[in-house]
């Protein structure tokens, strides 16, 4: 797996072509690239992602594949009150408290 600017790519080896091939897996648009070395793969991935983002900017499109960082959920009123109280006990904003709890549940991903 290779990553650039939040886009993740699956890498395979094409024995017939004698090179590595990659495909970005978290975009609704196909992005393929290839290279004979790790450095060539990295350069090709960067080129594919940058070209895609440039096209989005030119056409005014929103790039696909990356979550916007916002999450809207509906809670039972009693759960909402409990969350507000728990955040207050820790002297934190509700958003900060929820972000930290979700980060912990997701395996320690950075809460920022």
C-alpha atoms as a PDB file:
ATOM      1  CA  UNK A   1       0.000   0.000   0.000  1.00  0.00           C
ATOM      2  CA  UNK A   2       1.238   3.445  -0.890  1.00  0.00           C
ATOM      3  CA  UNK A   3      -0.291   6.800   0.084  1.00  0.00           C
ATOM      4  CA  UNK A   4      -0.059  10.359  -1.167  1.00  0.00           C
ATOM      5  CA  UNK A   5      -2.191  13.336  -0.030  1.00  0.00           C
ATOM      6  CA  UNK A   6      -4.697  10.970   1.560  1.00  0.00           C
ATOM      7  CA  UNK A   7      -5.132   8.808  -1.534  1.00  0.00           C
ATOM      8  CA  UNK A   8      -4.250   5.150  -0.990  1.00  0.00           C
ATOM      9  CA  UNK A   9      -2.938   2.915  -3.738  1.00  0.00           C
ATOM     10  CA  UNK A  10      -2.784  -0.857  -4.043  1.00  0.00           C
ATOM     11  CA  UNK A  11       0.437  -2.039  -5.683  1.00  0.00           C
ATOM     12  CA  UNK A  12       0.852  -5.257  -7.684  1.00  0.00           C
ATOM     13  CA  UNK A  13       3.589  -6.703  -9.859  1.00  0.00           C
ATOM     14  CA  UNK A  14       2.859  -7.297 -13.552  1.00  0.00           C
ATOM     15  CA  UNK A  15       5.175 -10.167 -14.481  1.00  0.00           C
ATOM     16  CA  UNK A  16       4.444  -9.853 -18.200  1.00  0.00           C
ATOM     17  CA  UNK A  17       5.300  -6.157 -18.286  1.00  0.00           C
ATOM     18  CA  UNK A  18       8.116  -6.551 -15.755  1.00  0.00           C
ATOM     19  CA  UNK A  19       6.981  -3.614 -13.654  1.00  0.00           C
ATOM     20  CA  UNK A  20       4.875  -2.648 -10.678  1.00  0.00           C
ATOM     21  CA  UNK A  21       1.391  -1.279 -11.281  1.00  0.00           C
ATOM     22  CA  UNK A  22      -0.719   0.720  -8.896  1.00  0.00           C
ATOM     23  CA  UNK A  23      -4.325   1.760  -8.594  1.00  0.00           C
ATOM     24  CA  UNK A  24      -5.769   4.401  -6.272  1.00  0.00           C
ATOM     25  CA  UNK A  25      -8.458   2.617  -4.286  1.00  0.00           C
ATOM     26  CA  UNK A  26     -10.227   5.406  -2.390  1.00  0.00           C
ATOM     27  CA  UNK A  27     -11.447   7.505  -5.287  1.00  0.00           C
ATOM     28  CA  UNK A  28     -14.472   7.041  -7.497  1.00  0.00           C
ATOM     29  CA  UNK A  29     -12.264   7.894 -10.488  1.00  0.00           C
ATOM     30  CA  UNK A  30      -9.737   5.405 -11.812  1.00  0.00           C
ATOM     31  CA  UNK A  31      -6.139   6.412 -11.270  1.00  0.00           C
ATOM     32  CA  UNK A  32      -3.557   3.928 -12.502  1.00  0.00           C
ATOM     33  CA  UNK A  33       0.210   4.301 -12.538  1.00  0.00           C
ATOM     34  CA  UNK A  34       3.294   2.130 -12.916  1.00  0.00           C
ATOM     35  CA  UNK A  35       7.020   2.022 -12.282  1.00  0.00           C
ATOM     36  CA  UNK A  36      10.006  -0.299 -12.221  1.00  0.00           C
ATOM     37  CA  UNK A  37      11.207   0.809  -8.775  1.00  0.00           C
ATOM     38  CA  UNK A  38       9.725   2.130  -5.559  1.00  0.00           C
ATOM     39  CA  UNK A  39      10.946   5.623  -6.423  1.00  0.00           C
ATOM     40  CA  UNK A  40       9.342   5.457  -9.880  1.00  0.00           C
ATOM     41  CA  UNK A  41       6.097   4.261  -8.264  1.00  0.00           C
ATOM     42  CA  UNK A  42       6.095   7.139  -5.786  1.00  0.00           C
ATOM     43  CA  UNK A  43       6.735   9.661  -8.548  1.00  0.00           C
ATOM     44  CA  UNK A  44       4.008   8.132 -10.740  1.00  0.00           C
ATOM     45  CA  UNK A  45       1.478   8.101  -7.864  1.00  0.00           C
ATOM     46  CA  UNK A  46       2.211  11.754  -7.091  1.00  0.00           C
ATOM     47  CA  UNK A  47       1.809  12.606 -10.770  1.00  0.00           C
ATOM     48  CA  UNK A  48      -1.517  10.769 -11.060  1.00  0.00           C
ATOM     49  CA  UNK A  49      -2.997  12.326  -7.911  1.00  0.00           C
ATOM     50  CA  UNK A  50      -1.701  15.821  -8.672  1.00  0.00           C
ATOM     51  CA  UNK A  51      -3.062  15.636 -12.237  1.00  0.00           C
ATOM     52  CA  UNK A  52      -6.443  14.517 -10.897  1.00  0.00           C
ATOM     53  CA  UNK A  53      -6.546  17.344  -8.347  1.00  0.00           C
ATOM     54  CA  UNK A  54      -5.498  19.867 -11.007  1.00  0.00           C
ATOM     55  CA  UNK A  55      -8.336  18.681 -13.264  1.00  0.00           C
ATOM     56  CA  UNK A  56     -10.800  19.018 -10.398  1.00  0.00           C
ATOM     57  CA  UNK A  57      -9.593  22.573  -9.741  1.00  0.00           C
ATOM     58  CA  UNK A  58      -9.827  23.519 -13.439  1.00  0.00           C
ATOM     59  CA  UNK A  59     -13.376  22.179 -13.744  1.00  0.00           C
ATOM     60  CA  UNK A  60     -14.531  23.310 -10.300  1.00  0.00           C
ATOM     61  CA  UNK A  61     -15.185  19.728  -9.187  1.00  0.00           C
ATOM     62  CA  UNK A  62     -14.868  18.477  -5.625  1.00  0.00           C
ATOM     63  CA  UNK A  63     -12.233  15.704  -5.491  1.00  0.00           C
ATOM     64  CA  UNK A  64     -13.632  12.312  -4.583  1.00  0.00           C
ATOM     65  CA  UNK A  65     -12.373   9.767  -2.152  1.00  0.00           C
ATOM     66  CA  UNK A  66     -11.460  11.847   0.841  1.00  0.00           C
ATOM     67  CA  UNK A  67     -13.944  12.370   3.638  1.00  0.00           C
ATOM     68  CA  UNK A  68     -14.581  16.074   4.310  1.00  0.00           C
ATOM     69  CA  UNK A  69     -13.885  15.778   8.033  1.00  0.00           C
ATOM     70  CA  UNK A  70     -17.504  16.295   9.001  1.00  0.00           C
ATOM     71  CA  UNK A  71     -19.856  13.732  10.462  1.00  0.00           C
ATOM     72  CA  UNK A  72     -23.516  14.286  11.194  1.00  0.00           C
ATOM     73  CA  UNK A  73     -25.242  11.808  13.488  1.00  0.00           C
ATOM     74  CA  UNK A  74     -28.553  11.719  15.283  1.00  0.00           C
ATOM     75  CA  UNK A  75     -28.529  10.674  18.939  1.00  0.00           C
ATOM     76  CA  UNK A  76     -31.184   9.735  21.419  1.00  0.00           C
ATOM     77  CA  UNK A  77     -31.756  12.719  23.741  1.00  0.00           C
ATOM     78  CA  UNK A  78     -30.600  10.765  26.811  1.00  0.00           C
ATOM     79  CA  UNK A  79     -27.338   9.785  25.092  1.00  0.00           C
ATOM     80  CA  UNK A  80     -26.783  13.363  23.971  1.00  0.00           C
ATOM     81  CA  UNK A  81     -27.234  14.604  27.567  1.00  0.00           C
ATOM     82  CA  UNK A  82     -24.796  11.956  28.829  1.00  0.00           C
ATOM     83  CA  UNK A  83     -22.188  13.014  26.275  1.00  0.00           C
ATOM     84  CA  UNK A  84     -22.568  16.693  27.177  1.00  0.00           C
ATOM     85  CA  UNK A  85     -22.182  15.804  30.883  1.00  0.00           C
ATOM     86  CA  UNK A  86     -19.125  13.605  30.256  1.00  0.00           C
ATOM     87  CA  UNK A  87     -17.445  16.341  28.217  1.00  0.00           C
ATOM     88  CA  UNK A  88     -18.208  18.906  30.936  1.00  0.00           C
ATOM     89  CA  UNK A  89     -16.730  16.644  33.633  1.00  0.00           C
ATOM     90  CA  UNK A  90     -13.487  16.585  31.650  1.00  0.00           C
ATOM     91  CA  UNK A  91     -13.631  20.324  30.953  1.00  0.00           C
ATOM     92  CA  UNK A  92     -13.810  19.768  27.196  1.00  0.00           C
ATOM     93  CA  UNK A  93     -16.020  20.912  24.359  1.00  0.00           C
ATOM     94  CA  UNK A  94     -18.456  18.242  23.200  1.00  0.00           C
ATOM     95  CA  UNK A  95     -16.821  18.121  19.747  1.00  0.00           C
ATOM     96  CA  UNK A  96     -13.383  17.605  21.298  1.00  0.00           C
ATOM     97  CA  UNK A  97     -14.666  14.913  23.651  1.00  0.00           C
ATOM     98  CA  UNK A  98     -16.449  13.018  20.843  1.00  0.00           C
ATOM     99  CA  UNK A  99     -13.427  13.303  18.528  1.00  0.00           C
ATOM    100  CA  UNK A 100     -11.153  11.863  21.212  1.00  0.00           C
ATOM    101  CA  UNK A 101     -13.533   8.961  21.932  1.00  0.00           C
ATOM    102  CA  UNK A 102     -13.893   8.128  18.235  1.00  0.00           C
ATOM    103  CA  UNK A 103     -10.130   8.334  17.791  1.00  0.00           C
ATOM    104  CA  UNK A 104      -9.628   5.858  20.625  1.00  0.00           C
ATOM    105  CA  UNK A 105     -12.249   3.510  19.172  1.00  0.00           C
ATOM    106  CA  UNK A 106     -10.597   3.712  15.733  1.00  0.00           C
ATOM    107  CA  UNK A 107      -7.312   2.432  17.114  1.00  0.00           C
ATOM    108  CA  UNK A 108      -5.586   5.582  18.245  1.00  0.00           C
ATOM    109  CA  UNK A 109      -5.771   7.605  15.048  1.00  0.00           C
ATOM    110  CA  UNK A 110      -4.813  11.226  15.542  1.00  0.00           C
ATOM    111  CA  UNK A 111      -7.843  13.187  16.772  1.00  0.00           C
ATOM    112  CA  UNK A 112      -6.906  16.283  14.753  1.00  0.00           C
END
